């Protein structure tokens, strides 16, 4: 289990947030409900979804590397 207060825990949390928001952006009902705001606290989800869709190759590679790190190295 990863501790959220460590650097690797923050990286795992950020990657999961970006991947989840990018996935939710592809679902029409959830996109209108969750990702409609572009400012404020809810805007973080919109920005994470934009990062996940625009940098999908880099996000996928970093998810694979982080999974290897968490499962094998740590």
PDB file of N, CA and C in Angstrom:
ATOM      1  N   UNK A   1       0.844  -1.176   0.000  1.00  0.00           N
ATOM      2  CA  UNK A   1       0.000   0.000   0.000  1.00  0.00           C
ATOM      3  C   UNK A   1       0.891   1.242   0.000  1.00  0.00           C
ATOM      4  N   UNK A   2       0.481   2.235  -0.762  1.00  0.00           N
ATOM      5  CA  UNK A   2       1.290   3.454  -0.878  1.00  0.00           C
ATOM      6  C   UNK A   2       0.756   4.524   0.062  1.00  0.00           C
ATOM      7  N   UNK A   3       1.685   5.218   0.648  1.00  0.00           N
ATOM      8  CA  UNK A   3       1.346   6.321   1.525  1.00  0.00           C
ATOM      9  C   UNK A   3       1.125   7.575   0.686  1.00  0.00           C
ATOM     10  N   UNK A   4       0.039   8.274   0.907  1.00  0.00           N
ATOM     11  CA  UNK A   4      -0.286   9.453   0.109  1.00  0.00           C
ATOM     12  C   UNK A   4       0.674  10.600   0.394  1.00  0.00           C
ATOM     13  N   UNK A   5       1.306  10.586   1.533  1.00  0.00           N
ATOM     14  CA  UNK A   5       2.174  11.679   1.919  1.00  0.00           C
ATOM     15  C   UNK A   5       3.604  11.541   1.410  1.00  0.00           C
ATOM     16  N   UNK A   6       3.883  10.486   0.690  1.00  0.00           N
ATOM     17  CA  UNK A   6       5.203  10.328   0.086  1.00  0.00           C
ATOM     18  C   UNK A   6       5.137  10.749  -1.380  1.00  0.00           C
ATOM     19  N   UNK A   7       6.281  10.907  -1.991  1.00  0.00           N
ATOM     20  CA  UNK A   7       6.322  11.354  -3.383  1.00  0.00           C
ATOM     21  C   UNK A   7       5.727  10.323  -4.324  1.00  0.00           C
ATOM     22  N   UNK A   8       6.042   9.060  -4.108  1.00  0.00           N
ATOM     23  CA  UNK A   8       5.485   8.048  -4.989  1.00  0.00           C
ATOM     24  C   UNK A   8       3.977   7.888  -4.783  1.00  0.00           C
ATOM     25  N   UNK A   9       3.504   8.126  -3.586  1.00  0.00           N
ATOM     26  CA  UNK A   9       2.066   8.095  -3.351  1.00  0.00           C
ATOM     27  C   UNK A   9       1.350   9.227  -4.059  1.00  0.00           C
ATOM     28  N   UNK A  10       1.959  10.406  -4.058  1.00  0.00           N
ATOM     29  CA  UNK A  10       1.371  11.531  -4.791  1.00  0.00           C
ATOM     30  C   UNK A  10       1.375  11.287  -6.289  1.00  0.00           C
ATOM     31  N   UNK A  11       2.424  10.660  -6.796  1.00  0.00           N
ATOM     32  CA  UNK A  11       2.470  10.338  -8.220  1.00  0.00           C
ATOM     33  C   UNK A  11       1.401   9.317  -8.606  1.00  0.00           C
ATOM     34  N   UNK A  12       1.215   8.308  -7.759  1.00  0.00           N
ATOM     35  CA  UNK A  12       0.167   7.312  -8.019  1.00  0.00           C
ATOM     36  C   UNK A  12      -1.203   7.975  -7.990  1.00  0.00           C
ATOM     37  N   UNK A  13      -1.439   8.818  -7.006  1.00  0.00           N
ATOM     38  CA  UNK A  13      -2.718   9.518  -6.908  1.00  0.00           C
ATOM     39  C   UNK A  13      -2.956  10.403  -8.131  1.00  0.00           C
ATOM     40  N   UNK A  14      -1.936  11.139  -8.560  1.00  0.00           N
ATOM     41  CA  UNK A  14      -2.084  11.999  -9.728  1.00  0.00           C
ATOM     42  C   UNK A  14      -2.351  11.214 -10.992  1.00  0.00           C
ATOM     43  N   UNK A  15      -1.642  10.105 -11.172  1.00  0.00           N
ATOM     44  CA  UNK A  15      -1.874   9.276 -12.351  1.00  0.00           C
ATOM     45  C   UNK A  15      -3.268   8.671 -12.354  1.00  0.00           C
ATOM     46  N   UNK A  16      -3.718   8.210 -11.198  1.00  0.00           N
ATOM     47  CA  UNK A  16      -5.070   7.662 -11.124  1.00  0.00           C
ATOM     48  C   UNK A  16      -6.122   8.730 -11.390  1.00  0.00           C
ATOM     49  N   UNK A  17      -5.907   9.938 -10.914  1.00  0.00           N
ATOM     50  CA  UNK A  17      -6.841  11.028 -11.167  1.00  0.00           C
ATOM     51  C   UNK A  17      -6.902  11.358 -12.654  1.00  0.00           C
ATOM     52  N   UNK A  18      -5.749  11.464 -13.293  1.00  0.00           N
ATOM     53  CA  UNK A  18      -5.708  11.793 -14.717  1.00  0.00           C
ATOM     54  C   UNK A  18      -6.343  10.684 -15.552  1.00  0.00           C
ATOM     55  N   UNK A  19      -6.025   9.428 -15.247  1.00  0.00           N
ATOM     56  CA  UNK A  19      -6.590   8.308 -16.011  1.00  0.00           C
ATOM     57  C   UNK A  19      -8.103   8.194 -15.817  1.00  0.00           C
ATOM     58  N   UNK A  20      -8.561   8.382 -14.592  1.00  0.00           N
ATOM     59  CA  UNK A  20      -9.995   8.293 -14.324  1.00  0.00           C
ATOM     60  C   UNK A  20     -10.761   9.417 -15.002  1.00  0.00           C
ATOM     61  N   UNK A  21     -10.260  10.624 -14.937  1.00  0.00           N
ATOM     62  CA  UNK A  21     -10.952  11.748 -15.563  1.00  0.00           C
ATOM     63  C   UNK A  21     -10.944  11.639 -17.078  1.00  0.00           C
ATOM     64  N   UNK A  22      -9.857  11.121 -17.653  1.00  0.00           N
ATOM     65  CA  UNK A  22      -9.812  10.918 -19.098  1.00  0.00           C
ATOM     66  C   UNK A  22     -10.816   9.863 -19.528  1.00  0.00           C
ATOM     67  N   UNK A  23     -10.981   8.827 -18.713  1.00  0.00           N
ATOM     68  CA  UNK A  23     -11.984   7.810 -19.016  1.00  0.00           C
ATOM     69  C   UNK A  23     -13.395   8.372 -18.885  1.00  0.00           C
ATOM     70  N   UNK A  24     -13.634   9.144 -17.841  1.00  0.00           N
ATOM     71  CA  UNK A  24     -14.970   9.699 -17.633  1.00  0.00           C
ATOM     72  C   UNK A  24     -15.341  10.708 -18.704  1.00  0.00           C
ATOM     73  N   UNK A  25     -14.366  11.293 -19.359  1.00  0.00           N
ATOM     74  CA  UNK A  25     -14.662  12.247 -20.415  1.00  0.00           C
ATOM     75  C   UNK A  25     -15.239  11.541 -21.640  1.00  0.00           C
ATOM     76  N   UNK A  26     -14.965  10.264 -21.793  1.00  0.00           N
ATOM     77  CA  UNK A  26     -15.494   9.498 -22.927  1.00  0.00           C
ATOM     78  C   UNK A  26     -16.932   9.042 -22.716  1.00  0.00           C
ATOM     79  N   UNK A  27     -17.425   9.078 -21.485  1.00  0.00           N
ATOM     80  CA  UNK A  27     -18.805   8.673 -21.178  1.00  0.00           C
ATOM     81  C   UNK A  27     -19.693   9.923 -21.266  1.00  0.00           C
ATOM     82  N   UNK A  28     -20.657   9.951 -22.195  1.00  0.00           N
ATOM     83  CA  UNK A  28     -21.413  11.193 -22.443  1.00  0.00           C
ATOM     84  C   UNK A  28     -22.169  11.748 -21.231  1.00  0.00           C
ATOM     85  N   UNK A  29     -22.838  10.905 -20.477  1.00  0.00           N
ATOM     86  CA  UNK A  29     -23.623  11.407 -19.339  1.00  0.00           C
ATOM     87  C   UNK A  29     -22.723  11.964 -18.241  1.00  0.00           C
ATOM     88  N   UNK A  30     -21.634  11.286 -17.992  1.00  0.00           N
ATOM     89  CA  UNK A  30     -20.722  11.742 -16.946  1.00  0.00           C
ATOM     90  C   UNK A  30     -19.942  12.971 -17.381  1.00  0.00           C
ATOM     91  N   UNK A  31     -19.675  13.088 -18.674  1.00  0.00           N
ATOM     92  CA  UNK A  31     -18.967  14.260 -19.163  1.00  0.00           C
ATOM     93  C   UNK A  31     -19.797  15.516 -18.936  1.00  0.00           C
ATOM     94  N   UNK A  32     -21.086  15.442 -19.206  1.00  0.00           N
ATOM     95  CA  UNK A  32     -21.962  16.599 -19.014  1.00  0.00           C
ATOM     96  C   UNK A  32     -22.148  16.917 -17.540  1.00  0.00           C
ATOM     97  N   UNK A  33     -22.099  15.898 -16.689  1.00  0.00           N
ATOM     98  CA  UNK A  33     -22.356  16.121 -15.275  1.00  0.00           C
ATOM     99  C   UNK A  33     -21.096  16.523 -14.502  1.00  0.00           C
ATOM    100  N   UNK A  34     -19.996  15.837 -14.751  1.00  0.00           N
ATOM    101  CA  UNK A  34     -18.807  16.032 -13.921  1.00  0.00           C
ATOM    102  C   UNK A  34     -17.806  16.994 -14.540  1.00  0.00           C
ATOM    103  N   UNK A  35     -17.670  16.979 -15.840  1.00  0.00           N
ATOM    104  CA  UNK A  35     -16.605  17.732 -16.485  1.00  0.00           C
ATOM    105  C   UNK A  35     -17.105  18.968 -17.220  1.00  0.00           C
ATOM    106  N   UNK A  36     -18.237  19.504 -16.817  1.00  0.00           N
ATOM    107  CA  UNK A  36     -18.775  20.681 -17.506  1.00  0.00           C
ATOM    108  C   UNK A  36     -18.147  21.980 -17.005  1.00  0.00           C
ATOM    109  N   UNK A  37     -17.721  22.004 -15.745  1.00  0.00           N
ATOM    110  CA  UNK A  37     -17.107  23.212 -15.195  1.00  0.00           C
ATOM    111  C   UNK A  37     -15.640  23.284 -15.575  1.00  0.00           C
ATOM    112  N   UNK A  38     -15.189  24.452 -15.993  1.00  0.00           N
ATOM    113  CA  UNK A  38     -13.788  24.610 -16.358  1.00  0.00           C
ATOM    114  C   UNK A  38     -13.032  25.483 -15.368  1.00  0.00           C
ATOM    115  N   UNK A  39     -13.699  25.967 -14.341  1.00  0.00           N
ATOM    116  CA  UNK A  39     -13.078  26.809 -13.317  1.00  0.00           C
ATOM    117  C   UNK A  39     -13.417  26.280 -11.939  1.00  0.00           C
ATOM    118  N   UNK A  40     -12.605  26.675 -10.989  1.00  0.00           N
ATOM    119  CA  UNK A  40     -12.874  26.319  -9.599  1.00  0.00           C
ATOM    120  C   UNK A  40     -12.396  24.921  -9.261  1.00  0.00           C
ATOM    121  N   UNK A  41     -12.980  24.375  -8.217  1.00  0.00           N
ATOM    122  CA  UNK A  41     -12.580  23.061  -7.722  1.00  0.00           C
ATOM    123  C   UNK A  41     -12.928  21.977  -8.736  1.00  0.00           C
ATOM    124  N   UNK A  42     -14.099  22.065  -9.342  1.00  0.00           N
ATOM    125  CA  UNK A  42     -14.509  21.065 -10.335  1.00  0.00           C
ATOM    126  C   UNK A  42     -13.692  21.183 -11.611  1.00  0.00           C
ATOM    127  N   UNK A  43     -13.060  22.314 -11.824  1.00  0.00           N
ATOM    128  CA  UNK A  43     -12.211  22.503 -12.989  1.00  0.00           C
ATOM    129  C   UNK A  43     -10.963  21.650 -12.958  1.00  0.00           C
ATOM    130  N   UNK A  44     -10.576  21.198 -11.773  1.00  0.00           N
ATOM    131  CA  UNK A  44      -9.416  20.310 -11.658  1.00  0.00           C
ATOM    132  C   UNK A  44      -9.692  19.006 -12.407  1.00  0.00           C
ATOM    133  N   UNK A  45     -10.917  18.501 -12.299  1.00  0.00           N
ATOM    134  CA  UNK A  45     -11.277  17.273 -13.004  1.00  0.00           C
ATOM    135  C   UNK A  45     -11.253  17.490 -14.516  1.00  0.00           C
ATOM    136  N   UNK A  46     -11.739  18.636 -14.960  1.00  0.00           N
ATOM    137  CA  UNK A  46     -11.711  18.957 -16.391  1.00  0.00           C
ATOM    138  C   UNK A  46     -10.270  19.051 -16.895  1.00  0.00           C
ATOM    139  N   UNK A  47      -9.428  19.713 -16.141  1.00  0.00           N
ATOM    140  CA  UNK A  47      -8.030  19.866 -16.557  1.00  0.00           C
ATOM    141  C   UNK A  47      -7.297  18.533 -16.546  1.00  0.00           C
ATOM    142  N   UNK A  48      -7.606  17.680 -15.585  1.00  0.00           N
ATOM    143  CA  UNK A  48      -6.993  16.346 -15.556  1.00  0.00           C
ATOM    144  C   UNK A  48      -7.454  15.517 -16.755  1.00  0.00           C
ATOM    145  N   UNK A  49      -8.717  15.676 -17.152  1.00  0.00           N
ATOM    146  CA  UNK A  49      -9.220  14.957 -18.321  1.00  0.00           C
ATOM    147  C   UNK A  49      -8.559  15.452 -19.598  1.00  0.00           C
ATOM    148  N   UNK A  50      -8.321  16.742 -19.696  1.00  0.00           N
ATOM    149  CA  UNK A  50      -7.651  17.289 -20.872  1.00  0.00           C
ATOM    150  C   UNK A  50      -6.205  16.793 -20.940  1.00  0.00           C
ATOM    151  N   UNK A  51      -5.526  16.764 -19.803  1.00  0.00           N
ATOM    152  CA  UNK A  51      -4.155  16.248 -19.770  1.00  0.00           C
ATOM    153  C   UNK A  51      -4.140  14.777 -20.174  1.00  0.00           C
ATOM    154  N   UNK A  52      -5.095  14.015 -19.685  1.00  0.00           N
ATOM    155  CA  UNK A  52      -5.143  12.586 -19.999  1.00  0.00           C
ATOM    156  C   UNK A  52      -5.424  12.303 -21.456  1.00  0.00           C
ATOM    157  N   UNK A  53      -6.235  13.129 -22.100  1.00  0.00           N
ATOM    158  CA  UNK A  53      -6.539  12.874 -23.509  1.00  0.00           C
ATOM    159  C   UNK A  53      -5.453  13.413 -24.434  1.00  0.00           C
ATOM    160  N   UNK A  54      -4.860  14.519 -24.096  1.00  0.00           N
ATOM    161  CA  UNK A  54      -3.825  15.088 -24.970  1.00  0.00           C
ATOM    162  C   UNK A  54      -2.489  14.377 -24.832  1.00  0.00           C
ATOM    163  N   UNK A  55      -2.167  13.935 -23.655  1.00  0.00           N
ATOM    164  CA  UNK A  55      -0.887  13.255 -23.416  1.00  0.00           C
ATOM    165  C   UNK A  55      -1.094  11.774 -23.117  1.00  0.00           C
ATOM    166  N   UNK A  56      -1.985  11.122 -23.859  1.00  0.00           N
ATOM    167  CA  UNK A  56      -2.356   9.754 -23.531  1.00  0.00           C
ATOM    168  C   UNK A  56      -1.185   8.778 -23.640  1.00  0.00           C
ATOM    169  N   UNK A  57      -0.260   9.014 -24.547  1.00  0.00           N
ATOM    170  CA  UNK A  57       0.888   8.108 -24.663  1.00  0.00           C
ATOM    171  C   UNK A  57       1.810   8.256 -23.451  1.00  0.00           C
ATOM    172  N   UNK A  58       2.103   9.476 -23.078  1.00  0.00           N
ATOM    173  CA  UNK A  58       2.971   9.709 -21.920  1.00  0.00           C
ATOM    174  C   UNK A  58       2.319   9.227 -20.624  1.00  0.00           C
ATOM    175  N   UNK A  59       1.013   9.412 -20.501  1.00  0.00           N
ATOM    176  CA  UNK A  59       0.301   8.961 -19.301  1.00  0.00           C
ATOM    177  C   UNK A  59       0.308   7.437 -19.237  1.00  0.00           C
ATOM    178  N   UNK A  60       0.109   6.773 -20.367  1.00  0.00           N
ATOM    179  CA  UNK A  60       0.104   5.309 -20.385  1.00  0.00           C
ATOM    180  C   UNK A  60       1.479   4.750 -20.029  1.00  0.00           C
ATOM    181  N   UNK A  61       2.526   5.357 -20.576  1.00  0.00           N
ATOM    182  CA  UNK A  61       3.883   4.895 -20.262  1.00  0.00           C
ATOM    183  C   UNK A  61       4.204   5.122 -18.788  1.00  0.00           C
ATOM    184  N   UNK A  62       3.812   6.270 -18.255  1.00  0.00           N
ATOM    185  CA  UNK A  62       4.086   6.532 -16.840  1.00  0.00           C
ATOM    186  C   UNK A  62       3.261   5.622 -15.933  1.00  0.00           C
ATOM    187  N   UNK A  63       2.061   5.236 -16.342  1.00  0.00           N
ATOM    188  CA  UNK A  63       1.278   4.281 -15.550  1.00  0.00           C
ATOM    189  C   UNK A  63       1.953   2.909 -15.515  1.00  0.00           C
ATOM    190  N   UNK A  64       2.485   2.490 -16.655  1.00  0.00           N
ATOM    191  CA  UNK A  64       3.175   1.203 -16.702  1.00  0.00           C
ATOM    192  C   UNK A  64       4.438   1.245 -15.839  1.00  0.00           C
ATOM    193  N   UNK A  65       5.199   2.316 -15.944  1.00  0.00           N
ATOM    194  CA  UNK A  65       6.408   2.442 -15.131  1.00  0.00           C
ATOM    195  C   UNK A  65       6.090   2.512 -13.637  1.00  0.00           C
ATOM    196  N   UNK A  66       5.026   3.224 -13.280  1.00  0.00           N
ATOM    197  CA  UNK A  66       4.650   3.326 -11.872  1.00  0.00           C
ATOM    198  C   UNK A  66       4.142   1.991 -11.341  1.00  0.00           C
ATOM    199  N   UNK A  67       3.415   1.243 -12.169  1.00  0.00           N
ATOM    200  CA  UNK A  67       2.966  -0.082 -11.749  1.00  0.00           C
ATOM    201  C   UNK A  67       4.159  -0.998 -11.510  1.00  0.00           C
ATOM    202  N   UNK A  68       5.151  -0.957 -12.396  1.00  0.00           N
ATOM    203  CA  UNK A  68       6.360  -1.750 -12.213  1.00  0.00           C
ATOM    204  C   UNK A  68       7.085  -1.350 -10.927  1.00  0.00           C
ATOM    205  N   UNK A  69       7.152  -0.047 -10.677  1.00  0.00           N
ATOM    206  CA  UNK A  69       7.841   0.445  -9.479  1.00  0.00           C
ATOM    207  C   UNK A  69       7.115  -0.024  -8.203  1.00  0.00           C
ATOM    208  N   UNK A  70       5.797   0.109  -8.200  1.00  0.00           N
ATOM    209  CA  UNK A  70       5.039  -0.239  -6.992  1.00  0.00           C
ATOM    210  C   UNK A  70       5.049  -1.745  -6.753  1.00  0.00           C
ATOM    211  N   UNK A  71       4.932  -2.541  -7.824  1.00  0.00           N
ATOM    212  CA  UNK A  71       4.826  -3.974  -7.643  1.00  0.00           C
ATOM    213  C   UNK A  71       6.177  -4.666  -7.464  1.00  0.00           C
ATOM    214  N   UNK A  72       7.205  -4.201  -8.158  1.00  0.00           N
ATOM    215  CA  UNK A  72       8.474  -4.928  -8.150  1.00  0.00           C
ATOM    216  C   UNK A  72       9.511  -4.242  -7.267  1.00  0.00           C
ATOM    217  N   UNK A  73       9.725  -2.960  -7.484  1.00  0.00           N
ATOM    218  CA  UNK A  73      10.813  -2.284  -6.780  1.00  0.00           C
ATOM    219  C   UNK A  73      10.477  -2.041  -5.325  1.00  0.00           C
ATOM    220  N   UNK A  74       9.309  -1.526  -5.072  1.00  0.00           N
ATOM    221  CA  UNK A  74       8.924  -1.179  -3.700  1.00  0.00           C
ATOM    222  C   UNK A  74       8.524  -2.437  -2.984  1.00  0.00           C
TER     223      UNK A  74
END
